[in-house]
């Protein structure tokens, strides 16, 4: 059964930085190619990532791949600062800026294109939201909702605009285009990250309070990859058991 199509594909080459909206992507066994494949580490707390939780301004830095995507190596990763400066993601000047703003010692880590583990990737391979649910949340919250607050990988444009219908699909699969299959697993429980405006970096706790009160702190759903392949914006999405 066709339930809609892919409206947006978003991957985050660097964990907690603003992602890039792409027209096509490979879906690997771990999720979108290169999603959260690069990360900053908080050296004051060994083993912890530096994230929006510690440094809300990270949402104002955008990361993207430049060049050909290969199975054994990533293209160049560049970061654009809020002021519009461009750096390689591991440039020492950029790391120094991160350290100064976060008041933490910062290092870097990179994972293989063939496998990015759970950890840098939140709790599952893919995070999915629907246009109908975003629209309903705007109505509930009373303000325009920027989908980037929720850091989804895929936004589905539903044929039948039923808010939160995706929460009825746990245990079911969808096929995207001709190759990729994913299975809906569980709710996404939200944290303070959604309170940070992705443009200004300012915090507004009211959106999190709304999600807690009206949606039991759930928004979006996690899915696991069943069959890998390529997808593109506009691909039909088929739901089946």
C-alpha atoms as a PDB file:
ATOM      1  CA  UNK A   1       0.000   0.000   0.000  1.00  0.00           C
ATOM      2  CA  UNK A   2       1.404   3.384  -1.018  1.00  0.00           C
ATOM      3  CA  UNK A   3       1.292   5.751   1.950  1.00  0.00           C
ATOM      4  CA  UNK A   4       3.205   8.703   0.503  1.00  0.00           C
ATOM      5  CA  UNK A   5       6.663   9.685  -0.647  1.00  0.00           C
ATOM      6  CA  UNK A   6       9.989  10.906   0.676  1.00  0.00           C
ATOM      7  CA  UNK A   7       9.881  14.661   1.179  1.00  0.00           C
ATOM      8  CA  UNK A   8      13.309  15.163   2.680  1.00  0.00           C
ATOM      9  CA  UNK A   9      16.498  13.186   3.351  1.00  0.00           C
ATOM     10  CA  UNK A  10      18.808  14.588   6.014  1.00  0.00           C
ATOM     11  CA  UNK A  11      22.136  13.221   7.166  1.00  0.00           C
ATOM     12  CA  UNK A  12      24.484  14.631   9.786  1.00  0.00           C
ATOM     13  CA  UNK A  13      28.129  14.077   8.812  1.00  0.00           C
ATOM     14  CA  UNK A  14      29.211  15.456  12.209  1.00  0.00           C
ATOM     15  CA  UNK A  15      27.245  14.488  15.305  1.00  0.00           C
ATOM     16  CA  UNK A  16      25.240  17.383  16.810  1.00  0.00           C
ATOM     17  CA  UNK A  17      26.073  19.815  14.011  1.00  0.00           C
ATOM     18  CA  UNK A  18      23.379  20.904  11.575  1.00  0.00           C
ATOM     19  CA  UNK A  19      22.904  18.258   8.909  1.00  0.00           C
ATOM     20  CA  UNK A  20      22.642  18.482   5.157  1.00  0.00           C
ATOM     21  CA  UNK A  21      19.510  17.929   3.112  1.00  0.00           C
ATOM     22  CA  UNK A  22      20.373  15.742   0.118  1.00  0.00           C
ATOM     23  CA  UNK A  23      18.457  14.592  -2.939  1.00  0.00           C
ATOM     24  CA  UNK A  24      19.833  11.056  -2.892  1.00  0.00           C
ATOM     25  CA  UNK A  25      21.556   8.814  -0.363  1.00  0.00           C
ATOM     26  CA  UNK A  26      22.788   5.304   0.113  1.00  0.00           C
ATOM     27  CA  UNK A  27      21.109   3.476   2.974  1.00  0.00           C
ATOM     28  CA  UNK A  28      23.740   1.399   4.720  1.00  0.00           C
ATOM     29  CA  UNK A  29      23.173  -1.288   7.341  1.00  0.00           C
ATOM     30  CA  UNK A  30      23.591   1.420  10.015  1.00  0.00           C
ATOM     31  CA  UNK A  31      21.447   4.113   8.342  1.00  0.00           C
ATOM     32  CA  UNK A  32      22.162   6.903   5.865  1.00  0.00           C
ATOM     33  CA  UNK A  33      25.677   6.912   4.425  1.00  0.00           C
ATOM     34  CA  UNK A  34      27.994   8.820   6.743  1.00  0.00           C
ATOM     35  CA  UNK A  35      25.324   9.818   9.233  1.00  0.00           C
ATOM     36  CA  UNK A  36      27.070  10.785  12.515  1.00  0.00           C
ATOM     37  CA  UNK A  37      30.250   9.271  11.113  1.00  0.00           C
ATOM     38  CA  UNK A  38      32.371  12.100  12.526  1.00  0.00           C
ATOM     39  CA  UNK A  39      32.099  13.388  16.087  1.00  0.00           C
ATOM     40  CA  UNK A  40      33.733  15.624  18.642  1.00  0.00           C
ATOM     41  CA  UNK A  41      34.715  14.103  21.966  1.00  0.00           C
ATOM     42  CA  UNK A  42      34.597  15.840  25.334  1.00  0.00           C
ATOM     43  CA  UNK A  43      38.026  15.074  26.771  1.00  0.00           C
ATOM     44  CA  UNK A  44      37.005  16.349  30.211  1.00  0.00           C
ATOM     45  CA  UNK A  45      34.681  13.339  30.408  1.00  0.00           C
ATOM     46  CA  UNK A  46      36.466  10.488  28.687  1.00  0.00           C
ATOM     47  CA  UNK A  47      34.288   8.557  26.268  1.00  0.00           C
ATOM     48  CA  UNK A  48      31.575  11.232  26.072  1.00  0.00           C
ATOM     49  CA  UNK A  49      30.600  13.057  22.905  1.00  0.00           C
ATOM     50  CA  UNK A  50      30.449  16.828  22.785  1.00  0.00           C
ATOM     51  CA  UNK A  51      26.824  17.507  21.866  1.00  0.00           C
ATOM     52  CA  UNK A  52      24.153  20.167  21.785  1.00  0.00           C
ATOM     53  CA  UNK A  53      23.427  19.326  25.419  1.00  0.00           C
ATOM     54  CA  UNK A  54      26.796  20.757  26.470  1.00  0.00           C
ATOM     55  CA  UNK A  55      27.096  23.328  23.678  1.00  0.00           C
ATOM     56  CA  UNK A  56      23.758  24.492  22.214  1.00  0.00           C
ATOM     57  CA  UNK A  57      25.595  26.656  19.671  1.00  0.00           C
ATOM     58  CA  UNK A  58      26.577  23.485  17.805  1.00  0.00           C
ATOM     59  CA  UNK A  59      23.225  23.636  15.978  1.00  0.00           C
ATOM     60  CA  UNK A  60      24.437  26.806  14.262  1.00  0.00           C
ATOM     61  CA  UNK A  61      27.406  25.011  12.698  1.00  0.00           C
ATOM     62  CA  UNK A  62      26.547  23.066   9.542  1.00  0.00           C
ATOM     63  CA  UNK A  63      28.472  20.075   8.216  1.00  0.00           C
ATOM     64  CA  UNK A  64      28.455  18.572   4.736  1.00  0.00           C
ATOM     65  CA  UNK A  65      30.354  16.137   2.569  1.00  0.00           C
ATOM     66  CA  UNK A  66      32.265  17.457  -0.447  1.00  0.00           C
ATOM     67  CA  UNK A  67      33.259  15.058  -3.199  1.00  0.00           C
ATOM     68  CA  UNK A  68      32.586  11.499  -4.279  1.00  0.00           C
ATOM     69  CA  UNK A  69      31.158   9.084  -1.743  1.00  0.00           C
ATOM     70  CA  UNK A  70      33.143   5.865  -1.619  1.00  0.00           C
ATOM     71  CA  UNK A  71      32.632   2.637   0.295  1.00  0.00           C
ATOM     72  CA  UNK A  72      36.094   2.670   1.865  1.00  0.00           C
ATOM     73  CA  UNK A  73      36.615   6.377   2.526  1.00  0.00           C
ATOM     74  CA  UNK A  74      34.514   9.482   3.107  1.00  0.00           C
ATOM     75  CA  UNK A  75      34.622  12.602   1.000  1.00  0.00           C
ATOM     76  CA  UNK A  76      36.009  15.745   2.596  1.00  0.00           C
ATOM     77  CA  UNK A  77      33.877  17.000   5.492  1.00  0.00           C
ATOM     78  CA  UNK A  78      33.562  20.758   5.812  1.00  0.00           C
ATOM     79  CA  UNK A  79      31.931  22.838   8.521  1.00  0.00           C
ATOM     80  CA  UNK A  80      30.411  26.279   8.084  1.00  0.00           C
ATOM     81  CA  UNK A  81      30.406  28.449  11.199  1.00  0.00           C
ATOM     82  CA  UNK A  82      27.562  30.807  12.166  1.00  0.00           C
ATOM     83  CA  UNK A  83      29.685  33.618  10.707  1.00  0.00           C
ATOM     84  CA  UNK A  84      29.964  31.851   7.355  1.00  0.00           C
ATOM     85  CA  UNK A  85      33.597  30.717   7.660  1.00  0.00           C
ATOM     86  CA  UNK A  86      34.451  27.326   6.136  1.00  0.00           C
ATOM     87  CA  UNK A  87      36.804  24.869   7.833  1.00  0.00           C
ATOM     88  CA  UNK A  88      37.739  21.240   7.451  1.00  0.00           C
ATOM     89  CA  UNK A  89      35.869  19.577  10.281  1.00  0.00           C
ATOM     90  CA  UNK A  90      39.099  18.746  12.156  1.00  0.00           C
ATOM     91  CA  UNK A  91      40.871  22.058  11.527  1.00  0.00           C
ATOM     92  CA  UNK A  92      42.719  23.103  14.676  1.00  0.00           C
ATOM     93  CA  UNK A  93      41.281  26.611  14.516  1.00  0.00           C
ATOM     94  CA  UNK A  94      37.760  25.176  14.528  1.00  0.00           C
ATOM     95  CA  UNK A  95      38.594  22.804  17.392  1.00  0.00           C
ATOM     96  CA  UNK A  96      40.015  25.725  19.366  1.00  0.00           C
ATOM     97  CA  UNK A  97      36.781  27.645  18.779  1.00  0.00           C
ATOM     98  CA  UNK A  98      34.761  24.671  20.038  1.00  0.00           C
ATOM     99  CA  UNK A  99      36.981  24.385  23.098  1.00  0.00           C
ATOM    100  CA  UNK A 100      36.682  28.076  23.896  1.00  0.00           C
ATOM    101  CA  UNK A 101      32.881  28.059  23.627  1.00  0.00           C
ATOM    102  CA  UNK A 102      32.356  24.792  25.487  1.00  0.00           C
ATOM    103  CA  UNK A 103      35.137  25.313  28.048  1.00  0.00           C
ATOM    104  CA  UNK A 104      36.157  21.715  27.411  1.00  0.00           C
ATOM    105  CA  UNK A 105      39.112  19.959  25.808  1.00  0.00           C
ATOM    106  CA  UNK A 106      37.900  18.602  22.462  1.00  0.00           C
ATOM    107  CA  UNK A 107      39.209  15.804  20.247  1.00  0.00           C
ATOM    108  CA  UNK A 108      37.823  14.015  17.173  1.00  0.00           C
ATOM    109  CA  UNK A 109      36.705  10.529  16.202  1.00  0.00           C
ATOM    110  CA  UNK A 110      35.781   9.042  12.798  1.00  0.00           C
ATOM    111  CA  UNK A 111      33.956   5.789  12.095  1.00  0.00           C
ATOM    112  CA  UNK A 112      34.180   3.560   9.021  1.00  0.00           C
ATOM    113  CA  UNK A 113      31.855   4.182   6.042  1.00  0.00           C
ATOM    114  CA  UNK A 114      30.838   0.532   6.341  1.00  0.00           C
ATOM    115  CA  UNK A 115      29.809   0.738   9.989  1.00  0.00           C
ATOM    116  CA  UNK A 116      28.827   3.602  12.276  1.00  0.00           C
ATOM    117  CA  UNK A 117      27.853   2.125  15.654  1.00  0.00           C
ATOM    118  CA  UNK A 118      24.901   2.934  17.855  1.00  0.00           C
ATOM    119  CA  UNK A 119      26.192   5.641  20.143  1.00  0.00           C
ATOM    120  CA  UNK A 120      27.101   8.369  17.707  1.00  0.00           C
ATOM    121  CA  UNK A 121      23.863   7.347  15.968  1.00  0.00           C
ATOM    122  CA  UNK A 122      21.223   7.788  18.647  1.00  0.00           C
ATOM    123  CA  UNK A 123      19.298   4.602  19.426  1.00  0.00           C
ATOM    124  CA  UNK A 124      18.465   3.120  16.031  1.00  0.00           C
ATOM    125  CA  UNK A 125      19.487   3.340  12.402  1.00  0.00           C
ATOM    126  CA  UNK A 126      16.966   5.939  11.230  1.00  0.00           C
ATOM    127  CA  UNK A 127      14.712   8.570  12.770  1.00  0.00           C
ATOM    128  CA  UNK A 128      11.520   9.321  10.865  1.00  0.00           C
ATOM    129  CA  UNK A 129       8.854  12.016  11.160  1.00  0.00           C
ATOM    130  CA  UNK A 130       5.844  12.777   8.965  1.00  0.00           C
ATOM    131  CA  UNK A 131       4.575  16.042   7.545  1.00  0.00           C
ATOM    132  CA  UNK A 132       1.188  15.486   9.199  1.00  0.00           C
ATOM    133  CA  UNK A 133       2.729  15.085  12.646  1.00  0.00           C
ATOM    134  CA  UNK A 134       4.873  18.199  12.223  1.00  0.00           C
ATOM    135  CA  UNK A 135       1.784  20.164  11.179  1.00  0.00           C
ATOM    136  CA  UNK A 136      -0.205  18.891  14.171  1.00  0.00           C
ATOM    137  CA  UNK A 137       2.610  19.770  16.561  1.00  0.00           C
ATOM    138  CA  UNK A 138       2.573  23.327  15.219  1.00  0.00           C
ATOM    139  CA  UNK A 139      -1.121  23.462  16.022  1.00  0.00           C
ATOM    140  CA  UNK A 140      -0.617  22.064  19.525  1.00  0.00           C
ATOM    141  CA  UNK A 141       2.405  24.243  20.360  1.00  0.00           C
ATOM    142  CA  UNK A 142       1.017  27.363  18.716  1.00  0.00           C
ATOM    143  CA  UNK A 143       4.239  28.239  16.887  1.00  0.00           C
ATOM    144  CA  UNK A 144       5.943  27.351  13.623  1.00  0.00           C
ATOM    145  CA  UNK A 145       7.986  24.163  13.980  1.00  0.00           C
ATOM    146  CA  UNK A 146      11.384  23.823  12.324  1.00  0.00           C
ATOM    147  CA  UNK A 147      11.817  20.091  11.666  1.00  0.00           C
ATOM    148  CA  UNK A 148      15.550  20.428  12.303  1.00  0.00           C
ATOM    149  CA  UNK A 149      14.814  20.644  16.035  1.00  0.00           C
ATOM    150  CA  UNK A 150      14.020  16.926  15.893  1.00  0.00           C
ATOM    151  CA  UNK A 151      16.980  15.906  13.717  1.00  0.00           C
ATOM    152  CA  UNK A 152      15.087  13.403  11.543  1.00  0.00           C
ATOM    153  CA  UNK A 153      16.758  11.416   8.780  1.00  0.00           C
ATOM    154  CA  UNK A 154      13.596  11.091   6.717  1.00  0.00           C
ATOM    155  CA  UNK A 155      10.487  13.238   6.460  1.00  0.00           C
ATOM    156  CA  UNK A 156       7.549  11.394   4.921  1.00  0.00           C
ATOM    157  CA  UNK A 157       4.917  13.277   2.961  1.00  0.00           C
ATOM    158  CA  UNK A 158       1.773  11.261   3.659  1.00  0.00           C
ATOM    159  CA  UNK A 159      -1.040  10.807   1.165  1.00  0.00           C
ATOM    160  CA  UNK A 160      -3.546  10.559   4.013  1.00  0.00           C
ATOM    161  CA  UNK A 161      -2.667  13.352   6.456  1.00  0.00           C
ATOM    162  CA  UNK A 162      -3.236  11.521   9.742  1.00  0.00           C
ATOM    163  CA  UNK A 163      -1.041  12.933  12.554  1.00  0.00           C
ATOM    164  CA  UNK A 164       1.041  10.411  14.466  1.00  0.00           C
ATOM    165  CA  UNK A 165      -0.160   7.476  12.344  1.00  0.00           C
ATOM    166  CA  UNK A 166       3.464   6.339  12.199  1.00  0.00           C
ATOM    167  CA  UNK A 167       3.134   5.299  15.842  1.00  0.00           C
ATOM    168  CA  UNK A 168       0.735   2.573  14.699  1.00  0.00           C
ATOM    169  CA  UNK A 169       3.351   0.984  12.437  1.00  0.00           C
ATOM    170  CA  UNK A 170       5.695  -0.611  14.979  1.00  0.00           C
ATOM    171  CA  UNK A 171       6.613  -4.086  13.765  1.00  0.00           C
ATOM    172  CA  UNK A 172       5.687  -3.185  10.184  1.00  0.00           C
ATOM    173  CA  UNK A 173       7.971  -2.396   7.257  1.00  0.00           C
ATOM    174  CA  UNK A 174       8.071   0.163   4.495  1.00  0.00           C
ATOM    175  CA  UNK A 175       9.781  -0.074   1.129  1.00  0.00           C
ATOM    176  CA  UNK A 176      11.308   3.131  -0.191  1.00  0.00           C
ATOM    177  CA  UNK A 177      11.730   3.210  -3.948  1.00  0.00           C
ATOM    178  CA  UNK A 178      12.757  -0.127  -5.435  1.00  0.00           C
ATOM    179  CA  UNK A 179      15.417  -1.331  -3.013  1.00  0.00           C
ATOM    180  CA  UNK A 180      15.351  -0.151   0.572  1.00  0.00           C
ATOM    181  CA  UNK A 181      13.259  -1.715   3.312  1.00  0.00           C
ATOM    182  CA  UNK A 182      13.108  -0.532   6.916  1.00  0.00           C
ATOM    183  CA  UNK A 183      11.123  -1.694   9.929  1.00  0.00           C
ATOM    184  CA  UNK A 184       9.477   0.608  12.468  1.00  0.00           C
ATOM    185  CA  UNK A 185      10.772  -0.191  15.947  1.00  0.00           C
ATOM    186  CA  UNK A 186       9.675   2.270  18.649  1.00  0.00           C
ATOM    187  CA  UNK A 187       8.953   5.809  19.749  1.00  0.00           C
ATOM    188  CA  UNK A 188      11.618   8.471  19.967  1.00  0.00           C
ATOM    189  CA  UNK A 189      11.728   9.816  23.511  1.00  0.00           C
ATOM    190  CA  UNK A 190      12.733  13.466  23.436  1.00  0.00           C
ATOM    191  CA  UNK A 191      15.373  15.377  25.409  1.00  0.00           C
ATOM    192  CA  UNK A 192      16.336  19.036  25.830  1.00  0.00           C
ATOM    193  CA  UNK A 193      17.907  19.190  22.370  1.00  0.00           C
ATOM    194  CA  UNK A 194      14.525  20.023  20.815  1.00  0.00           C
ATOM    195  CA  UNK A 195      14.403  23.212  22.915  1.00  0.00           C
ATOM    196  CA  UNK A 196      17.323  24.694  20.958  1.00  0.00           C
ATOM    197  CA  UNK A 197      16.360  26.815  17.979  1.00  0.00           C
ATOM    198  CA  UNK A 198      18.380  25.488  14.998  1.00  0.00           C
ATOM    199  CA  UNK A 199      18.901  28.994  13.616  1.00  0.00           C
ATOM    200  CA  UNK A 200      19.521  31.216  16.652  1.00  0.00           C
ATOM    201  CA  UNK A 201      20.761  28.603  19.109  1.00  0.00           C
ATOM    202  CA  UNK A 202      18.428  30.069  21.724  1.00  0.00           C
ATOM    203  CA  UNK A 203      16.476  27.752  24.036  1.00  0.00           C
ATOM    204  CA  UNK A 204      12.696  27.637  24.508  1.00  0.00           C
ATOM    205  CA  UNK A 205      11.580  24.965  26.948  1.00  0.00           C
ATOM    206  CA  UNK A 206       7.906  25.363  26.020  1.00  0.00           C
ATOM    207  CA  UNK A 207       8.158  23.039  23.032  1.00  0.00           C
ATOM    208  CA  UNK A 208       9.562  20.238  25.187  1.00  0.00           C
ATOM    209  CA  UNK A 209       6.875  20.842  27.821  1.00  0.00           C
ATOM    210  CA  UNK A 210       4.259  20.590  25.058  1.00  0.00           C
ATOM    211  CA  UNK A 211       5.666  17.304  23.753  1.00  0.00           C
ATOM    212  CA  UNK A 212       5.808  15.927  27.302  1.00  0.00           C
ATOM    213  CA  UNK A 213       2.244  16.971  28.126  1.00  0.00           C
ATOM    214  CA  UNK A 214       0.520  16.246  24.820  1.00  0.00           C
ATOM    215  CA  UNK A 215       2.586  13.383  23.403  1.00  0.00           C
ATOM    216  CA  UNK A 216       3.998  11.624  26.467  1.00  0.00           C
ATOM    217  CA  UNK A 217       7.407  13.017  25.445  1.00  0.00           C
ATOM    218  CA  UNK A 218       7.319  11.107  22.136  1.00  0.00           C
ATOM    219  CA  UNK A 219       7.796  12.629  18.703  1.00  0.00           C
ATOM    220  CA  UNK A 220       9.051  10.747  15.659  1.00  0.00           C
ATOM    221  CA  UNK A 221       9.782   7.037  15.401  1.00  0.00           C
ATOM    222  CA  UNK A 222      12.890   4.908  15.102  1.00  0.00           C
ATOM    223  CA  UNK A 223      13.363   2.368  12.331  1.00  0.00           C
ATOM    224  CA  UNK A 224      15.957  -0.315  11.614  1.00  0.00           C
ATOM    225  CA  UNK A 225      17.394  -1.131   8.204  1.00  0.00           C
ATOM    226  CA  UNK A 226      16.258  -4.437   6.714  1.00  0.00           C
ATOM    227  CA  UNK A 227      17.480  -4.044   3.119  1.00  0.00           C
ATOM    228  CA  UNK A 228      20.119  -1.574   1.998  1.00  0.00           C
ATOM    229  CA  UNK A 229      20.198   0.361  -1.272  1.00  0.00           C
ATOM    230  CA  UNK A 230      19.708   3.852  -2.645  1.00  0.00           C
ATOM    231  CA  UNK A 231      16.861   6.289  -2.076  1.00  0.00           C
ATOM    232  CA  UNK A 232      15.990   9.705  -3.400  1.00  0.00           C
ATOM    233  CA  UNK A 233      13.600  12.533  -2.653  1.00  0.00           C
ATOM    234  CA  UNK A 234      10.245  11.776  -4.273  1.00  0.00           C
ATOM    235  CA  UNK A 235      10.522   8.002  -3.901  1.00  0.00           C
ATOM    236  CA  UNK A 236       7.214   6.274  -3.207  1.00  0.00           C
ATOM    237  CA  UNK A 237       6.826   4.721   0.221  1.00  0.00           C
ATOM    238  CA  UNK A 238       4.952   1.398   0.470  1.00  0.00           C
ATOM    239  CA  UNK A 239       3.727   0.038   3.813  1.00  0.00           C
ATOM    240  CA  UNK A 240       3.410  -3.691   4.397  1.00  0.00           C
ATOM    241  CA  UNK A 241       3.382  -6.112   7.327  1.00  0.00           C
END
